[in-house]
Amino acid sequence: MHPTPIPLAKLVVSGLNVRQALDAGQEDSTIEDLAASIREKGLLSPLTVRPLADDRFEILVGQRRYFACKLAPLDPVPCVIKEGLSDIDAISLSLIENVHRADMHPIDKAKALQTLYAKHRSYEGVAKESACSIATIRRYLKLLELPAVLQRRIGTADGPSGIGALSRLASTFTGNEAVLAYNEISGFTQRVQEEILKRCDGNLEHLDDLVKEAQEGIFDIRRCGGSTGCQLVGDVVHGRLQEAEFKKIVHDALREAGAAGSTVTALHDATIAFWCALVRVKSDAGQNCSRPEKSQP
C-alpha cells in the first residue's frame, strides 16, 4: 500500500497503542537519535494510522517515529491508512508490530496479550493472532498478578527471556511476600532464581535457606568442561533434568551465541539425538525417548 502524506497537526497518539513505555530499551537509541536519522535519511518506515471522525488520524503503529518526526521536524509524515478497524483490531495490529521486539516493555506486552485474551477467551486464539506460544502468553499474563511496585521495577532486561522467573514468582508469592522474595533473589541469574522459587514451595523461610545455598554456588552446577566434568550429562542420565528444560538450555545457549537459520535447525536436531542417546542409559528404568516429527529453528 502506497503511503499517504499526512500533516503532523492531523496526527494524534492512540491510547490503544500497546507500547506505552517509549523509553524502555532505548538507552542506546533515543528519540533524538531517531530524529537525527530522519533528518539525514528521511523516514524509512511509514506510520500506520486509522481515520477518526474529526478528520484527524490516530497513530496505531509508529509512536516513536511520530515524536521523532516532530523533533526533526518532518511534515507531512508518510502514513499507511487502515480503514474500518475496531479498537480490538487496532490493539491487535499494534501488538503484532511490537510483540517480538526485545525493547518492548514486558508489562506493556502483558497488557496487550490480556486484551487479546479478553477478545478470544482462549490462549489458542491469542497464540494464533500474536504468533506467541501458549506457554509464553501464560508467562506474560502472570506478570500482571505481581504487585504494582514490582511491575514498575520490571524493565526490558527482564524480557522476553527473563520473564520465566518473574512468572514463577507471581505463581509462588503474592502481595508483600512477592516483593520480599524478589528482593532476595534479584541478584541471581534467571535460572538460579527459577530454581530457588521452584524449591521453596512458597515458604519465605525456605527461600532464605535456598538463597544462602545459591550464594555458595550450589545451583550453578550445569556446566561442562574443566575439572568438574559434565554435570549436565549427569543430570540427564539420573533423571534430574527433563527434556523440555534440556532443550531450553541448548536454545538459550544458541541464542546467546548468535546462531540462526539452518545452523539452529541442525543443532536442534543434534540436541534431540543427544538427548535420546543419553536417556537410553535409563531405558531399563522406563524412561523413554520420543523424537518430534520436525524440529523448529
C-alpha atoms as a PDB file:
ATOM      1  CA  MET A   1       0.000   0.000   0.000  1.00  0.00           C
ATOM      2  CA  HIS A   2       1.393   3.353  -1.026  1.00  0.00           C
ATOM      3  CA  PRO A   3       1.942   5.760   1.935  1.00  0.00           C
ATOM      4  CA  THR A   4      -0.161   8.933   2.159  1.00  0.00           C
ATOM      5  CA  PRO A   5       1.468  12.174   3.408  1.00  0.00           C
ATOM      6  CA  ILE A   6      -0.471  13.497   6.428  1.00  0.00           C
ATOM      7  CA  PRO A   7       0.271  16.804   8.225  1.00  0.00           C
ATOM      8  CA  LEU A   8       1.631  16.469  11.768  1.00  0.00           C
ATOM      9  CA  ALA A   9      -1.259  18.594  13.056  1.00  0.00           C
ATOM     10  CA  LYS A  10      -3.743  15.923  11.943  1.00  0.00           C
ATOM     11  CA  LEU A  11      -1.951  13.047  13.717  1.00  0.00           C
ATOM     12  CA  VAL A  12      -2.870  12.045  17.278  1.00  0.00           C
ATOM     13  CA  VAL A  13      -1.282   9.448  19.545  1.00  0.00           C
ATOM     14  CA  SER A  14      -3.547   6.470  20.227  1.00  0.00           C
ATOM     15  CA  GLY A  15      -4.346   5.421  23.762  1.00  0.00           C
ATOM     16  CA  LEU A  16      -4.663   1.903  22.368  1.00  0.00           C
ATOM     17  CA  ASN A  17      -1.001   1.586  21.389  1.00  0.00           C
ATOM     18  CA  VAL A  18       0.432  -1.379  23.259  1.00  0.00           C
ATOM     19  CA  ARG A  19       3.824   0.260  23.615  1.00  0.00           C
ATOM     20  CA  GLN A  20       3.367   2.812  26.386  1.00  0.00           C
ATOM     21  CA  ALA A  21       6.908   2.867  27.813  1.00  0.00           C
ATOM     22  CA  LEU A  22       8.584   4.561  24.849  1.00  0.00           C
ATOM     23  CA  ASP A  23      11.954   4.913  26.569  1.00  0.00           C
ATOM     24  CA  ALA A  24      12.141   1.241  27.564  1.00  0.00           C
ATOM     25  CA  GLY A  25      15.086  -0.476  25.974  1.00  0.00           C
ATOM     26  CA  GLN A  26      16.185   2.701  24.204  1.00  0.00           C
ATOM     27  CA  GLU A  27      19.299   3.512  26.192  1.00  0.00           C
ATOM     28  CA  ASP A  28      21.401   3.162  23.045  1.00  0.00           C
ATOM     29  CA  SER A  29      18.868   4.602  20.585  1.00  0.00           C
ATOM     30  CA  THR A  30      16.834   7.580  21.770  1.00  0.00           C
ATOM     31  CA  ILE A  31      14.078   9.533  20.022  1.00  0.00           C
ATOM     32  CA  GLU A  32      16.686  12.266  19.472  1.00  0.00           C
ATOM     33  CA  ASP A  33      18.882   9.723  17.651  1.00  0.00           C
ATOM     34  CA  LEU A  34      15.918   8.671  15.525  1.00  0.00           C
ATOM     35  CA  ALA A  35      15.149  12.320  14.713  1.00  0.00           C
ATOM     36  CA  ALA A  36      18.753  12.829  13.576  1.00  0.00           C
ATOM     37  CA  SER A  37      18.433   9.790  11.303  1.00  0.00           C
ATOM     38  CA  ILE A  38      15.178  11.147   9.845  1.00  0.00           C
ATOM     39  CA  ARG A  39      16.834  14.495   9.133  1.00  0.00           C
ATOM     40  CA  GLU A  40      19.650  12.703   7.309  1.00  0.00           C
ATOM     41  CA  LYS A  41      17.840   9.878   5.512  1.00  0.00           C
ATOM     42  CA  GLY A  42      14.120  10.634   5.790  1.00  0.00           C
ATOM     43  CA  LEU A  43      11.503   8.359   7.374  1.00  0.00           C
ATOM     44  CA  LEU A  44      12.279   4.851   6.131  1.00  0.00           C
ATOM     45  CA  SER A  45       9.157   3.189   7.566  1.00  0.00           C
ATOM     46  CA  PRO A  46       5.752   4.973   7.415  1.00  0.00           C
ATOM     47  CA  LEU A  47       3.364   5.232  10.359  1.00  0.00           C
ATOM     48  CA  THR A  48       0.190   3.146  10.427  1.00  0.00           C
ATOM     49  CA  VAL A  49      -2.954   5.149  11.237  1.00  0.00           C
ATOM     50  CA  ARG A  50      -6.739   4.912  11.174  1.00  0.00           C
ATOM     51  CA  PRO A  51      -9.108   7.803  10.325  1.00  0.00           C
ATOM     52  CA  LEU A  52     -11.119   9.499  13.078  1.00  0.00           C
ATOM     53  CA  ALA A  53     -14.493  11.211  12.733  1.00  0.00           C
ATOM     54  CA  ASP A  54     -12.997  14.705  13.136  1.00  0.00           C
ATOM     55  CA  ASP A  55     -10.752  14.459  10.041  1.00  0.00           C
ATOM     56  CA  ARG A  56      -7.718  13.530  12.156  1.00  0.00           C
ATOM     57  CA  PHE A  57      -5.797  10.244  12.155  1.00  0.00           C
ATOM     58  CA  GLU A  58      -4.953   8.024  15.123  1.00  0.00           C
ATOM     59  CA  ILE A  59      -1.444   6.544  15.199  1.00  0.00           C
ATOM     60  CA  LEU A  60      -1.600   2.770  15.719  1.00  0.00           C
ATOM     61  CA  VAL A  61       1.977   1.845  14.831  1.00  0.00           C
ATOM     62  CA  GLY A  62       4.967   4.186  14.936  1.00  0.00           C
ATOM     63  CA  GLN A  63       4.575   6.328  18.051  1.00  0.00           C
ATOM     64  CA  ARG A  64       8.331   6.823  18.479  1.00  0.00           C
ATOM     65  CA  ARG A  65       8.683   7.691  14.809  1.00  0.00           C
ATOM     66  CA  TYR A  66       5.913  10.294  15.185  1.00  0.00           C
ATOM     67  CA  PHE A  67       7.685  12.046  18.078  1.00  0.00           C
ATOM     68  CA  ALA A  68      10.965  11.870  16.159  1.00  0.00           C
ATOM     69  CA  CYS A  69       9.263  13.451  13.110  1.00  0.00           C
ATOM     70  CA  LYS A  70       8.034  16.311  15.312  1.00  0.00           C
ATOM     71  CA  LEU A  71      11.564  16.778  16.616  1.00  0.00           C
ATOM     72  CA  ALA A  72      13.270  16.527  13.209  1.00  0.00           C
ATOM     73  CA  PRO A  73      10.935  18.153  12.006  1.00  0.00           C
ATOM     74  CA  LEU A  74       9.331  16.188   9.167  1.00  0.00           C
ATOM     75  CA  ASP A  75       5.960  17.482   7.980  1.00  0.00           C
ATOM     76  CA  PRO A  76       3.871  15.975   6.394  1.00  0.00           C
ATOM     77  CA  VAL A  77       4.539  12.395   7.553  1.00  0.00           C
ATOM     78  CA  PRO A  78       4.190   9.309   5.297  1.00  0.00           C
ATOM     79  CA  CYS A  79       1.382   7.119   6.689  1.00  0.00           C
ATOM     80  CA  VAL A  80      -0.402   3.907   5.769  1.00  0.00           C
ATOM     81  CA  ILE A  81      -4.134   4.386   6.406  1.00  0.00           C
ATOM     82  CA  LYS A  82      -6.160   1.434   7.745  1.00  0.00           C
ATOM     83  CA  GLU A  83      -9.919   1.790   7.311  1.00  0.00           C
ATOM     84  CA  GLY A  84     -12.652   0.199   9.410  1.00  0.00           C
ATOM     85  CA  LEU A  85     -10.571  -1.076  12.325  1.00  0.00           C
ATOM     86  CA  SER A  86     -12.283  -1.708  15.669  1.00  0.00           C
ATOM     87  CA  ASP A  87     -10.465  -0.899  18.912  1.00  0.00           C
ATOM     88  CA  ILE A  88      -9.578  -4.565  19.374  1.00  0.00           C
ATOM     89  CA  ASP A  89      -8.324  -4.753  15.783  1.00  0.00           C
ATOM     90  CA  ALA A  90      -6.194  -1.665  16.449  1.00  0.00           C
ATOM     91  CA  ILE A  91      -4.692  -3.220  19.578  1.00  0.00           C
ATOM     92  CA  SER A  92      -4.013  -6.444  17.678  1.00  0.00           C
ATOM     93  CA  LEU A  93      -2.238  -4.528  14.920  1.00  0.00           C
ATOM     94  CA  SER A  94      -0.095  -2.650  17.428  1.00  0.00           C
ATOM     95  CA  LEU A  95       0.721  -5.846  19.303  1.00  0.00           C
ATOM     96  CA  ILE A  96       1.710  -7.786  16.207  1.00  0.00           C
ATOM     97  CA  GLU A  97       4.006  -4.924  15.198  1.00  0.00           C
ATOM     98  CA  ASN A  98       5.718  -4.799  18.597  1.00  0.00           C
ATOM     99  CA  VAL A  99       5.304  -8.138  20.341  1.00  0.00           C
ATOM    100  CA  HIS A 100       8.560  -9.701  19.164  1.00  0.00           C
ATOM    101  CA  ARG A 101      10.682  -6.616  19.784  1.00  0.00           C
ATOM    102  CA  ALA A 102      13.242  -7.138  22.535  1.00  0.00           C
ATOM    103  CA  ASP A 103      12.834  -3.498  23.593  1.00  0.00           C
ATOM    104  CA  MET A 104       9.104  -3.685  24.262  1.00  0.00           C
ATOM    105  CA  HIS A 105       8.373  -3.356  27.967  1.00  0.00           C
ATOM    106  CA  PRO A 106       7.183  -6.721  29.399  1.00  0.00           C
ATOM    107  CA  ILE A 107       4.222  -5.143  31.216  1.00  0.00           C
ATOM    108  CA  ASP A 108       3.059  -3.378  28.017  1.00  0.00           C
ATOM    109  CA  LYS A 109       3.250  -6.711  26.230  1.00  0.00           C
ATOM    110  CA  ALA A 110       1.403  -8.471  29.053  1.00  0.00           C
ATOM    111  CA  LYS A 111      -1.433  -5.914  28.991  1.00  0.00           C
ATOM    112  CA  ALA A 112      -1.760  -6.225  25.215  1.00  0.00           C
ATOM    113  CA  LEU A 113      -1.928 -10.021  25.433  1.00  0.00           C
ATOM    114  CA  GLN A 114      -4.517  -9.659  28.191  1.00  0.00           C
ATOM    115  CA  THR A 115      -6.664  -7.529  25.855  1.00  0.00           C
ATOM    116  CA  LEU A 116      -6.426 -10.193  23.154  1.00  0.00           C
ATOM    117  CA  TYR A 117      -7.346 -12.851  25.701  1.00  0.00           C
ATOM    118  CA  ALA A 118     -10.448 -10.840  26.617  1.00  0.00           C
ATOM    119  CA  LYS A 119     -11.320 -10.857  22.899  1.00  0.00           C
ATOM    120  CA  HIS A 120     -10.740 -14.550  22.193  1.00  0.00           C
ATOM    121  CA  ARG A 121     -11.318 -16.078  25.653  1.00  0.00           C
ATOM    122  CA  SER A 122      -8.762 -18.731  24.810  1.00  0.00           C
ATOM    123  CA  TYR A 123      -4.977 -18.999  24.791  1.00  0.00           C
ATOM    124  CA  GLU A 124      -5.163 -20.688  21.410  1.00  0.00           C
ATOM    125  CA  GLY A 125      -6.856 -17.639  19.863  1.00  0.00           C
ATOM    126  CA  VAL A 126      -4.267 -15.286  21.331  1.00  0.00           C
ATOM    127  CA  ALA A 127      -1.445 -17.527  20.142  1.00  0.00           C
ATOM    128  CA  LYS A 128      -2.812 -17.564  16.593  1.00  0.00           C
ATOM    129  CA  GLU A 129      -3.166 -13.777  16.444  1.00  0.00           C
ATOM    130  CA  SER A 130       0.063 -12.814  18.228  1.00  0.00           C
ATOM    131  CA  ALA A 131       2.351 -15.605  16.944  1.00  0.00           C
ATOM    132  CA  CYS A 132       3.400 -16.226  20.565  1.00  0.00           C
ATOM    133  CA  SER A 133       3.383 -19.707  22.082  1.00  0.00           C
ATOM    134  CA  ILE A 134       0.710 -20.528  24.651  1.00  0.00           C
ATOM    135  CA  ALA A 135       3.411 -21.039  27.288  1.00  0.00           C
ATOM    136  CA  THR A 136       4.817 -17.565  26.575  1.00  0.00           C
ATOM    137  CA  ILE A 137       1.353 -15.992  26.764  1.00  0.00           C
ATOM    138  CA  ARG A 138       0.683 -17.634  30.125  1.00  0.00           C
ATOM    139  CA  ARG A 139       4.010 -16.374  31.490  1.00  0.00           C
ATOM    140  CA  TYR A 140       3.351 -12.799  30.393  1.00  0.00           C
ATOM    141  CA  LEU A 141      -0.189 -12.763  31.808  1.00  0.00           C
ATOM    142  CA  LYS A 142       1.198 -13.981  35.135  1.00  0.00           C
ATOM    143  CA  LEU A 143       3.244 -10.779  35.348  1.00  0.00           C
ATOM    144  CA  LEU A 144       0.010  -8.823  35.805  1.00  0.00           C
ATOM    145  CA  GLU A 145      -0.559 -10.682  39.094  1.00  0.00           C
ATOM    146  CA  LEU A 146       2.617  -9.186  40.554  1.00  0.00           C
ATOM    147  CA  PRO A 147       2.238  -6.251  42.970  1.00  0.00           C
ATOM    148  CA  ALA A 148       2.248  -2.862  41.230  1.00  0.00           C
ATOM    149  CA  VAL A 149       5.560  -1.942  42.885  1.00  0.00           C
ATOM    150  CA  LEU A 150       7.231  -4.923  41.190  1.00  0.00           C
ATOM    151  CA  GLN A 151       5.568  -4.242  37.844  1.00  0.00           C
ATOM    152  CA  ARG A 152       7.129  -0.778  37.929  1.00  0.00           C
ATOM    153  CA  ARG A 153      10.569  -2.254  38.653  1.00  0.00           C
ATOM    154  CA  ILE A 154      10.464  -4.683  35.737  1.00  0.00           C
ATOM    155  CA  GLY A 155      12.410  -3.480  32.707  1.00  0.00           C
ATOM    156  CA  THR A 156      13.231  -4.619  29.194  1.00  0.00           C
ATOM    157  CA  ALA A 157      16.242  -6.502  30.569  1.00  0.00           C
ATOM    158  CA  ASP A 158      13.715  -8.895  32.149  1.00  0.00           C
ATOM    159  CA  GLY A 159      12.067  -9.856  28.881  1.00  0.00           C
ATOM    160  CA  PRO A 160      11.372 -11.789  26.833  1.00  0.00           C
ATOM    161  CA  SER A 161      13.790 -14.493  28.028  1.00  0.00           C
ATOM    162  CA  GLY A 162      13.867 -13.260  31.627  1.00  0.00           C
ATOM    163  CA  ILE A 163      10.157 -13.414  32.381  1.00  0.00           C
ATOM    164  CA  GLY A 164      10.250 -17.093  33.363  1.00  0.00           C
ATOM    165  CA  ALA A 165      11.487 -16.319  36.872  1.00  0.00           C
ATOM    166  CA  LEU A 166       9.087 -13.392  37.272  1.00  0.00           C
ATOM    167  CA  SER A 167       6.164 -15.541  36.142  1.00  0.00           C
ATOM    168  CA  ARG A 168       7.147 -18.230  38.638  1.00  0.00           C
ATOM    169  CA  LEU A 169       7.437 -15.544  41.323  1.00  0.00           C
ATOM    170  CA  ALA A 170       3.843 -14.492  40.621  1.00  0.00           C
ATOM    171  CA  SER A 171       2.740 -18.129  40.878  1.00  0.00           C
ATOM    172  CA  THR A 172       4.614 -18.657  44.154  1.00  0.00           C
ATOM    173  CA  PHE A 173       4.098 -15.487  46.220  1.00  0.00           C
ATOM    174  CA  THR A 174       1.545 -12.681  46.395  1.00  0.00           C
ATOM    175  CA  GLY A 175       1.458  -9.170  47.813  1.00  0.00           C
ATOM    176  CA  ASN A 176       4.265  -8.073  50.103  1.00  0.00           C
ATOM    177  CA  GLU A 177       5.724 -11.595  50.208  1.00  0.00           C
ATOM    178  CA  ALA A 178       6.334 -11.356  46.463  1.00  0.00           C
ATOM    179  CA  VAL A 179       8.207  -8.078  46.985  1.00  0.00           C
ATOM    180  CA  LEU A 180      10.332  -9.584  49.775  1.00  0.00           C
ATOM    181  CA  ALA A 181      11.078 -12.662  47.658  1.00  0.00           C
ATOM    182  CA  TYR A 182      12.025 -10.531  44.643  1.00  0.00           C
ATOM    183  CA  ASN A 183      14.432  -8.502  46.758  1.00  0.00           C
ATOM    184  CA  GLU A 184      16.047 -11.726  47.980  1.00  0.00           C
ATOM    185  CA  ILE A 185      16.599 -13.342  44.583  1.00  0.00           C
ATOM    186  CA  SER A 186      17.004 -10.421  42.169  1.00  0.00           C
ATOM    187  CA  GLY A 187      20.809 -10.574  42.216  1.00  0.00           C
ATOM    188  CA  PHE A 188      20.968 -14.107  40.824  1.00  0.00           C
ATOM    189  CA  THR A 189      20.734 -15.307  37.224  1.00  0.00           C
ATOM    190  CA  GLN A 190      17.276 -16.081  35.877  1.00  0.00           C
ATOM    191  CA  ARG A 191      17.931 -19.823  36.000  1.00  0.00           C
ATOM    192  CA  VAL A 192      19.026 -19.721  39.645  1.00  0.00           C
ATOM    193  CA  GLN A 193      16.027 -17.536  40.526  1.00  0.00           C
ATOM    194  CA  GLU A 194      13.685 -20.112  38.997  1.00  0.00           C
ATOM    195  CA  GLU A 195      15.422 -22.941  40.850  1.00  0.00           C
ATOM    196  CA  ILE A 196      15.131 -21.141  44.193  1.00  0.00           C
ATOM    197  CA  LEU A 197      11.435 -20.388  43.644  1.00  0.00           C
ATOM    198  CA  LYS A 198      10.732 -23.939  42.496  1.00  0.00           C
ATOM    199  CA  ARG A 199      12.311 -25.438  45.614  1.00  0.00           C
ATOM    200  CA  CYS A 200      10.967 -23.033  48.245  1.00  0.00           C
ATOM    201  CA  ASP A 201       7.314 -24.215  47.973  1.00  0.00           C
ATOM    202  CA  GLY A 202       6.007 -20.720  48.634  1.00  0.00           C
ATOM    203  CA  ASN A 203       7.696 -20.524  52.043  1.00  0.00           C
ATOM    204  CA  LEU A 204       9.823 -17.434  52.705  1.00  0.00           C
ATOM    205  CA  GLU A 205      11.805 -19.238  55.413  1.00  0.00           C
ATOM    206  CA  HIS A 206      12.745 -21.969  52.941  1.00  0.00           C
ATOM    207  CA  LEU A 207      13.615 -19.258  50.430  1.00  0.00           C
ATOM    208  CA  ASP A 208      16.102 -17.697  52.869  1.00  0.00           C
ATOM    209  CA  ASP A 209      17.921 -21.027  53.227  1.00  0.00           C
ATOM    210  CA  LEU A 210      17.945 -21.571  49.459  1.00  0.00           C
ATOM    211  CA  VAL A 211      19.347 -18.082  48.873  1.00  0.00           C
ATOM    212  CA  LYS A 212      22.241 -18.917  51.175  1.00  0.00           C
ATOM    213  CA  GLU A 213      22.872 -22.119  49.211  1.00  0.00           C
ATOM    214  CA  ALA A 214      22.700 -20.204  45.940  1.00  0.00           C
ATOM    215  CA  GLN A 215      25.263 -17.692  47.244  1.00  0.00           C
ATOM    216  CA  GLU A 216      27.582 -20.653  47.754  1.00  0.00           C
ATOM    217  CA  GLY A 217      27.106 -21.630  44.099  1.00  0.00           C
ATOM    218  CA  ILE A 218      25.211 -24.849  44.772  1.00  0.00           C
ATOM    219  CA  PHE A 219      22.688 -24.283  41.965  1.00  0.00           C
ATOM    220  CA  ASP A 220      25.266 -23.135  39.434  1.00  0.00           C
ATOM    221  CA  ILE A 221      26.335 -26.656  38.504  1.00  0.00           C
ATOM    222  CA  ARG A 222      25.076 -27.304  34.982  1.00  0.00           C
ATOM    223  CA  ARG A 223      28.271 -26.820  33.042  1.00  0.00           C
ATOM    224  CA  CYS A 224      30.650 -28.947  31.006  1.00  0.00           C
ATOM    225  CA  GLY A 225      34.413 -28.900  30.815  1.00  0.00           C
ATOM    226  CA  GLY A 226      37.339 -28.342  33.136  1.00  0.00           C
ATOM    227  CA  SER A 227      37.900 -30.358  36.262  1.00  0.00           C
ATOM    228  CA  THR A 228      34.158 -30.536  37.049  1.00  0.00           C
ATOM    229  CA  GLY A 229      33.371 -32.907  34.186  1.00  0.00           C
ATOM    230  CA  CYS A 230      29.879 -32.545  32.705  1.00  0.00           C
ATOM    231  CA  GLN A 231      27.195 -32.213  35.358  1.00  0.00           C
ATOM    232  CA  LEU A 232      24.636 -31.556  32.617  1.00  0.00           C
ATOM    233  CA  VAL A 233      25.048 -35.098  31.274  1.00  0.00           C
ATOM    234  CA  GLY A 234      24.774 -36.490  34.773  1.00  0.00           C
ATOM    235  CA  ASP A 235      21.534 -34.610  35.339  1.00  0.00           C
ATOM    236  CA  VAL A 236      20.040 -36.155  32.181  1.00  0.00           C
ATOM    237  CA  VAL A 237      21.188 -39.689  32.917  1.00  0.00           C
ATOM    238  CA  HIS A 238      19.952 -39.590  36.506  1.00  0.00           C
ATOM    239  CA  GLY A 239      16.608 -38.053  35.613  1.00  0.00           C
ATOM    240  CA  ARG A 240      17.189 -34.691  37.289  1.00  0.00           C
ATOM    241  CA  LEU A 241      16.753 -32.785  34.023  1.00  0.00           C
ATOM    242  CA  GLN A 242      13.707 -33.195  31.791  1.00  0.00           C
ATOM    243  CA  GLU A 243      13.750 -32.991  28.001  1.00  0.00           C
ATOM    244  CA  ALA A 244      11.983 -29.616  27.761  1.00  0.00           C
ATOM    245  CA  GLU A 245      14.437 -27.990  30.157  1.00  0.00           C
ATOM    246  CA  PHE A 246      17.405 -29.628  28.408  1.00  0.00           C
ATOM    247  CA  LYS A 247      16.293 -28.229  25.041  1.00  0.00           C
ATOM    248  CA  LYS A 248      15.718 -24.806  26.611  1.00  0.00           C
ATOM    249  CA  ILE A 249      19.302 -24.768  27.911  1.00  0.00           C
ATOM    250  CA  VAL A 250      20.568 -25.527  24.397  1.00  0.00           C
ATOM    251  CA  HIS A 251      18.207 -22.971  22.811  1.00  0.00           C
ATOM    252  CA  ASP A 252      19.326 -20.238  25.222  1.00  0.00           C
ATOM    253  CA  ALA A 253      22.980 -21.054  24.561  1.00  0.00           C
ATOM    254  CA  LEU A 254      22.431 -20.873  20.782  1.00  0.00           C
ATOM    255  CA  ARG A 255      20.682 -17.523  21.100  1.00  0.00           C
ATOM    256  CA  GLU A 256      23.462 -16.104  23.271  1.00  0.00           C
ATOM    257  CA  ALA A 257      25.994 -17.323  20.708  1.00  0.00           C
ATOM    258  CA  GLY A 258      24.098 -15.585  17.900  1.00  0.00           C
ATOM    259  CA  ALA A 259      23.317 -18.772  15.963  1.00  0.00           C
ATOM    260  CA  ALA A 260      20.481 -18.561  13.447  1.00  0.00           C
ATOM    261  CA  GLY A 261      18.762 -20.211  10.495  1.00  0.00           C
ATOM    262  CA  SER A 262      19.992 -23.579   9.257  1.00  0.00           C
ATOM    263  CA  THR A 263      22.628 -23.712  11.992  1.00  0.00           C
ATOM    264  CA  VAL A 264      19.948 -23.583  14.691  1.00  0.00           C
ATOM    265  CA  THR A 265      17.894 -26.262  12.899  1.00  0.00           C
ATOM    266  CA  ALA A 266      20.868 -28.596  12.612  1.00  0.00           C
ATOM    267  CA  LEU A 267      21.916 -28.090  16.220  1.00  0.00           C
ATOM    268  CA  HIS A 268      18.337 -28.534  17.400  1.00  0.00           C
ATOM    269  CA  ASP A 269      18.229 -31.923  15.638  1.00  0.00           C
ATOM    270  CA  ALA A 270      21.588 -32.818  17.179  1.00  0.00           C
ATOM    271  CA  THR A 271      20.255 -31.862  20.607  1.00  0.00           C
ATOM    272  CA  ILE A 272      17.330 -34.261  20.263  1.00  0.00           C
ATOM    273  CA  ALA A 273      19.636 -37.056  19.089  1.00  0.00           C
ATOM    274  CA  PHE A 274      21.988 -36.406  22.019  1.00  0.00           C
ATOM    275  CA  TRP A 275      19.081 -36.461  24.477  1.00  0.00           C
ATOM    276  CA  CYS A 276      17.824 -39.765  23.035  1.00  0.00           C
ATOM    277  CA  ALA A 277      21.284 -41.324  23.300  1.00  0.00           C
ATOM    278  CA  LEU A 278      21.578 -40.286  26.936  1.00  0.00           C
ATOM    279  CA  VAL A 279      18.156 -41.496  28.070  1.00  0.00           C
ATOM    280  CA  ARG A 280      18.785 -44.932  26.574  1.00  0.00           C
ATOM    281  CA  VAL A 281      21.037 -45.409  29.595  1.00  0.00           C
ATOM    282  CA  LYS A 282      17.874 -45.234  31.702  1.00  0.00           C
ATOM    283  CA  SER A 283      15.699 -47.313  29.361  1.00  0.00           C
ATOM    284  CA  ASP A 284      15.625 -50.208  31.812  1.00  0.00           C
ATOM    285  CA  ALA A 285      14.050 -47.806  34.333  1.00  0.00           C
ATOM    286  CA  GLY A 286      11.225 -46.970  31.975  1.00  0.00           C
ATOM    287  CA  GLN A 287      12.457 -43.610  30.698  1.00  0.00           C
ATOM    288  CA  ASN A 288      11.582 -43.245  27.014  1.00  0.00           C
ATOM    289  CA  CYS A 289      12.781 -41.043  24.213  1.00  0.00           C
ATOM    290  CA  SER A 290      10.324 -39.720  21.660  1.00  0.00           C
ATOM    291  CA  ARG A 291      11.534 -37.682  18.726  1.00  0.00           C
ATOM    292  CA  PRO A 292       9.348 -34.841  17.440  1.00  0.00           C
ATOM    293  CA  GLU A 293       8.222 -35.086  13.829  1.00  0.00           C
ATOM    294  CA  LYS A 294      10.050 -31.936  12.751  1.00  0.00           C
ATOM    295  CA  SER A 295      12.456 -29.672  14.565  1.00  0.00           C
ATOM    296  CA  GLN A 296      11.755 -25.949  14.709  1.00  0.00           C
ATOM    297  CA  PRO A 297      14.542 -23.327  14.480  1.00  0.00           C
END
